[in-house]
Amino acid sequence: MRQVLADYSVSISELKKNPSSVLSKANGSPIAVLNHNKPAAYLIPAELYEVMMDRIEDDELASIVEERLGDKGQAVPVSLDDL
């Protein structure tokens, strides 16, 4: 059985019946949406989603920086006056 990674869970049926109630009961915490007692999706507050997306973007940029640091030997020296 898959692990539920949220303190609050709800069935898809219950979510369909009254989504506003489910969101208010969770009080801003992530919600595991279960289908046949297995996680089918997670609902998270918009603010948390935005933070997660920013961190993912930061990680991707850090990977690009690390990759380019490895190619430092191929860099062409340029003076700021030339730019």
N, C-alpha and C. Protein backbone atom coordinates (compact mmCIF):
# COMPACT_ATOMS: atom_id res chain seq x y z
N MET A 1 0.84 -1.19 0.00
CA MET A 1 0.00 0.00 0.00
C MET A 1 0.88 1.25 0.00
N ARG A 2 0.50 2.25 -0.77
CA ARG A 2 1.26 3.50 -0.85
C ARG A 2 1.05 4.33 0.40
N GLN A 3 2.10 5.02 0.79
CA GLN A 3 2.07 5.87 1.98
C GLN A 3 1.28 7.15 1.70
N VAL A 4 0.49 7.58 2.66
CA VAL A 4 -0.25 8.83 2.56
C VAL A 4 0.63 9.92 3.16
N LEU A 5 0.98 10.91 2.35
CA LEU A 5 1.92 11.95 2.77
C LEU A 5 1.21 13.24 3.16
N ALA A 6 0.15 13.12 3.94
CA ALA A 6 -0.58 14.28 4.43
C ALA A 6 -1.25 13.91 5.74
N ASP A 7 -1.43 14.90 6.60
CA ASP A 7 -2.10 14.66 7.88
C ASP A 7 -3.62 14.55 7.72
N TYR A 8 -4.14 15.08 6.64
CA TYR A 8 -5.57 15.08 6.41
C TYR A 8 -5.86 14.36 5.10
N SER A 9 -6.84 13.47 5.10
CA SER A 9 -7.20 12.75 3.87
C SER A 9 -8.71 12.76 3.70
N VAL A 10 -9.13 12.59 2.45
CA VAL A 10 -10.55 12.61 2.12
C VAL A 10 -10.75 11.72 0.89
N SER A 11 -11.91 11.09 0.81
CA SER A 11 -12.22 10.30 -0.38
C SER A 11 -12.65 11.23 -1.50
N ILE A 12 -12.52 10.74 -2.72
CA ILE A 12 -12.95 11.54 -3.87
C ILE A 12 -14.45 11.85 -3.76
N SER A 13 -15.22 10.88 -3.30
CA SER A 13 -16.67 11.09 -3.15
C SER A 13 -16.98 12.20 -2.18
N GLU A 14 -16.29 12.19 -1.04
CA GLU A 14 -16.51 13.22 -0.03
C GLU A 14 -16.09 14.59 -0.56
N LEU A 15 -14.99 14.63 -1.30
CA LEU A 15 -14.51 15.89 -1.87
C LEU A 15 -15.53 16.44 -2.87
N LYS A 16 -16.12 15.56 -3.68
CA LYS A 16 -17.11 16.00 -4.67
C LYS A 16 -18.37 16.54 -3.99
N LYS A 17 -18.76 15.94 -2.86
CA LYS A 17 -19.97 16.36 -2.16
C LYS A 17 -19.85 17.78 -1.62
N ASN A 18 -18.71 18.10 -0.99
CA ASN A 18 -18.59 19.40 -0.36
C ASN A 18 -17.13 19.86 -0.31
N PRO A 19 -16.60 20.32 -1.43
CA PRO A 19 -15.19 20.70 -1.47
C PRO A 19 -14.84 21.83 -0.51
N SER A 20 -15.73 22.80 -0.35
CA SER A 20 -15.45 23.92 0.55
C SER A 20 -15.27 23.45 1.99
N SER A 21 -16.09 22.52 2.41
CA SER A 21 -16.00 21.98 3.76
C SER A 21 -14.67 21.25 3.97
N VAL A 22 -14.27 20.48 2.98
CA VAL A 22 -13.01 19.74 3.07
C VAL A 22 -11.84 20.71 3.22
N LEU A 23 -11.83 21.75 2.40
CA LEU A 23 -10.75 22.73 2.45
C LEU A 23 -10.71 23.45 3.80
N SER A 24 -11.87 23.80 4.32
CA SER A 24 -11.88 24.52 5.60
C SER A 24 -11.47 23.61 6.76
N LYS A 25 -11.86 22.33 6.71
CA LYS A 25 -11.45 21.40 7.76
C LYS A 25 -9.94 21.19 7.77
N ALA A 26 -9.31 21.21 6.61
CA ALA A 26 -7.87 21.00 6.53
C ALA A 26 -7.10 22.21 7.02
N ASN A 27 -7.74 23.37 7.03
CA ASN A 27 -7.15 24.59 7.59
C ASN A 27 -5.78 24.92 6.99
N GLY A 28 -5.66 24.81 5.67
CA GLY A 28 -4.42 25.17 5.01
C GLY A 28 -3.38 24.07 4.93
N SER A 29 -3.67 22.91 5.47
CA SER A 29 -2.75 21.78 5.40
C SER A 29 -2.96 21.01 4.10
N PRO A 30 -1.95 20.30 3.64
CA PRO A 30 -2.14 19.46 2.46
C PRO A 30 -3.21 18.38 2.71
N ILE A 31 -3.93 18.04 1.66
CA ILE A 31 -5.00 17.04 1.76
C ILE A 31 -4.69 15.92 0.78
N ALA A 32 -4.69 14.69 1.27
CA ALA A 32 -4.56 13.52 0.40
C ALA A 32 -5.96 13.14 -0.07
N VAL A 33 -6.13 13.05 -1.38
CA VAL A 33 -7.40 12.63 -1.95
C VAL A 33 -7.27 11.15 -2.28
N LEU A 34 -8.12 10.34 -1.65
CA LEU A 34 -8.01 8.89 -1.77
C LEU A 34 -9.05 8.32 -2.73
N ASN A 35 -8.61 7.35 -3.50
CA ASN A 35 -9.49 6.58 -4.37
C ASN A 35 -9.27 5.12 -4.02
N HIS A 36 -10.28 4.47 -3.49
CA HIS A 36 -10.18 3.10 -2.99
C HIS A 36 -9.06 2.99 -1.95
N ASN A 37 -9.02 3.97 -1.04
CA ASN A 37 -8.07 4.04 0.07
C ASN A 37 -6.61 4.16 -0.35
N LYS A 38 -6.37 4.60 -1.57
CA LYS A 38 -5.01 4.85 -2.06
C LYS A 38 -4.93 6.30 -2.51
N PRO A 39 -3.80 6.97 -2.25
CA PRO A 39 -3.67 8.37 -2.68
C PRO A 39 -3.78 8.50 -4.20
N ALA A 40 -4.72 9.33 -4.64
CA ALA A 40 -4.90 9.59 -6.06
C ALA A 40 -4.38 10.98 -6.41
N ALA A 41 -4.39 11.88 -5.41
CA ALA A 41 -3.94 13.26 -5.65
C ALA A 41 -3.72 13.93 -4.30
N TYR A 42 -3.06 15.05 -4.35
CA TYR A 42 -2.88 15.88 -3.16
C TYR A 42 -3.35 17.29 -3.48
N LEU A 43 -4.09 17.88 -2.56
CA LEU A 43 -4.50 19.27 -2.67
C LEU A 43 -3.62 20.07 -1.71
N ILE A 44 -3.01 21.12 -2.22
CA ILE A 44 -2.19 21.96 -1.37
C ILE A 44 -2.60 23.42 -1.57
N PRO A 45 -2.40 24.25 -0.54
CA PRO A 45 -2.74 25.66 -0.69
C PRO A 45 -1.93 26.31 -1.81
N ALA A 46 -2.51 27.31 -2.46
CA ALA A 46 -1.87 27.99 -3.58
C ALA A 46 -0.52 28.57 -3.19
N GLU A 47 -0.41 29.13 -2.00
CA GLU A 47 0.86 29.72 -1.55
C GLU A 47 1.95 28.65 -1.48
N LEU A 48 1.62 27.48 -0.95
CA LEU A 48 2.60 26.40 -0.87
C LEU A 48 3.01 25.93 -2.26
N TYR A 49 2.06 25.84 -3.17
CA TYR A 49 2.37 25.44 -4.54
C TYR A 49 3.34 26.44 -5.18
N GLU A 50 3.10 27.72 -4.97
CA GLU A 50 3.99 28.75 -5.53
C GLU A 50 5.40 28.63 -4.96
N VAL A 51 5.51 28.38 -3.66
CA VAL A 51 6.83 28.20 -3.03
C VAL A 51 7.52 26.97 -3.62
N MET A 52 6.79 25.89 -3.78
CA MET A 52 7.36 24.67 -4.34
C MET A 52 7.86 24.91 -5.77
N MET A 53 7.08 25.61 -6.58
CA MET A 53 7.48 25.88 -7.95
C MET A 53 8.74 26.76 -8.00
N ASP A 54 8.81 27.75 -7.10
CA ASP A 54 10.02 28.58 -7.02
C ASP A 54 11.24 27.75 -6.66
N ARG A 55 11.09 26.84 -5.72
CA ARG A 55 12.22 26.00 -5.31
C ARG A 55 12.65 25.05 -6.43
N ILE A 56 11.69 24.51 -7.14
CA ILE A 56 12.02 23.64 -8.27
C ILE A 56 12.79 24.42 -9.32
N GLU A 57 12.33 25.63 -9.61
CA GLU A 57 13.02 26.48 -10.59
C GLU A 57 14.44 26.80 -10.11
N ASP A 58 14.58 27.11 -8.82
CA ASP A 58 15.91 27.38 -8.26
C ASP A 58 16.82 26.17 -8.40
N ASP A 59 16.29 24.98 -8.13
CA ASP A 59 17.09 23.75 -8.27
C ASP A 59 17.52 23.53 -9.72
N GLU A 60 16.61 23.80 -10.66
CA GLU A 60 16.95 23.64 -12.07
C GLU A 60 18.05 24.63 -12.49
N LEU A 61 17.94 25.87 -12.00
CA LEU A 61 18.96 26.87 -12.32
C LEU A 61 20.30 26.49 -11.69
N ALA A 62 20.27 25.96 -10.47
CA ALA A 62 21.51 25.53 -9.81
C ALA A 62 22.17 24.40 -10.59
N SER A 63 21.37 23.51 -11.16
CA SER A 63 21.93 22.42 -11.99
C SER A 63 22.61 22.97 -13.23
N ILE A 64 21.99 23.97 -13.84
CA ILE A 64 22.58 24.60 -15.03
C ILE A 64 23.90 25.27 -14.66
N VAL A 65 23.94 25.96 -13.52
CA VAL A 65 25.17 26.62 -13.07
C VAL A 65 26.26 25.59 -12.84
N GLU A 66 25.93 24.50 -12.15
CA GLU A 66 26.92 23.45 -11.89
C GLU A 66 27.46 22.86 -13.19
N GLU A 67 26.58 22.64 -14.14
CA GLU A 67 26.98 22.09 -15.43
C GLU A 67 27.92 23.05 -16.17
N ARG A 68 27.57 24.32 -16.13
CA ARG A 68 28.39 25.32 -16.84
C ARG A 68 29.72 25.55 -16.14
N LEU A 69 29.76 25.38 -14.82
CA LEU A 69 31.04 25.51 -14.12
C LEU A 69 32.02 24.43 -14.59
N GLY A 70 31.49 23.29 -14.97
CA GLY A 70 32.33 22.21 -15.49
C GLY A 70 32.93 22.56 -16.84
N ASP A 71 32.28 23.46 -17.57
CA ASP A 71 32.76 23.88 -18.90
C ASP A 71 33.57 25.17 -18.83
N LYS A 72 34.00 25.53 -17.64
CA LYS A 72 34.68 26.80 -17.43
C LYS A 72 35.95 26.93 -18.29
N GLY A 73 36.60 25.82 -18.57
CA GLY A 73 37.81 25.84 -19.38
C GLY A 73 37.57 26.29 -20.81
N GLN A 74 36.33 26.22 -21.27
CA GLN A 74 35.99 26.62 -22.65
C GLN A 74 35.56 28.08 -22.72
N ALA A 75 35.56 28.77 -21.58
CA ALA A 75 35.10 30.16 -21.55
C ALA A 75 36.06 31.07 -22.31
N VAL A 76 35.51 32.09 -22.92
CA VAL A 76 36.29 33.08 -23.66
C VAL A 76 36.37 34.34 -22.80
N PRO A 77 37.59 34.79 -22.47
CA PRO A 77 37.68 36.00 -21.65
C PRO A 77 37.20 37.24 -22.41
N VAL A 78 36.42 38.07 -21.73
CA VAL A 78 35.86 39.28 -22.33
C VAL A 78 35.96 40.39 -21.28
N SER A 79 36.37 41.58 -21.72
CA SER A 79 36.41 42.69 -20.76
C SER A 79 35.04 43.37 -20.75
N LEU A 80 34.72 44.00 -19.65
CA LEU A 80 33.45 44.70 -19.55
C LEU A 80 33.37 45.85 -20.54
N ASP A 81 34.50 46.45 -20.86
CA ASP A 81 34.50 47.55 -21.83
C ASP A 81 34.09 47.07 -23.22
N ASP A 82 34.41 45.81 -23.53
CA ASP A 82 34.04 45.25 -24.83
C ASP A 82 32.54 45.00 -24.94
N LEU A 83 31.90 44.85 -23.81
CA LEU A 83 30.46 44.57 -23.84
C LEU A 83 29.72 45.84 -24.10
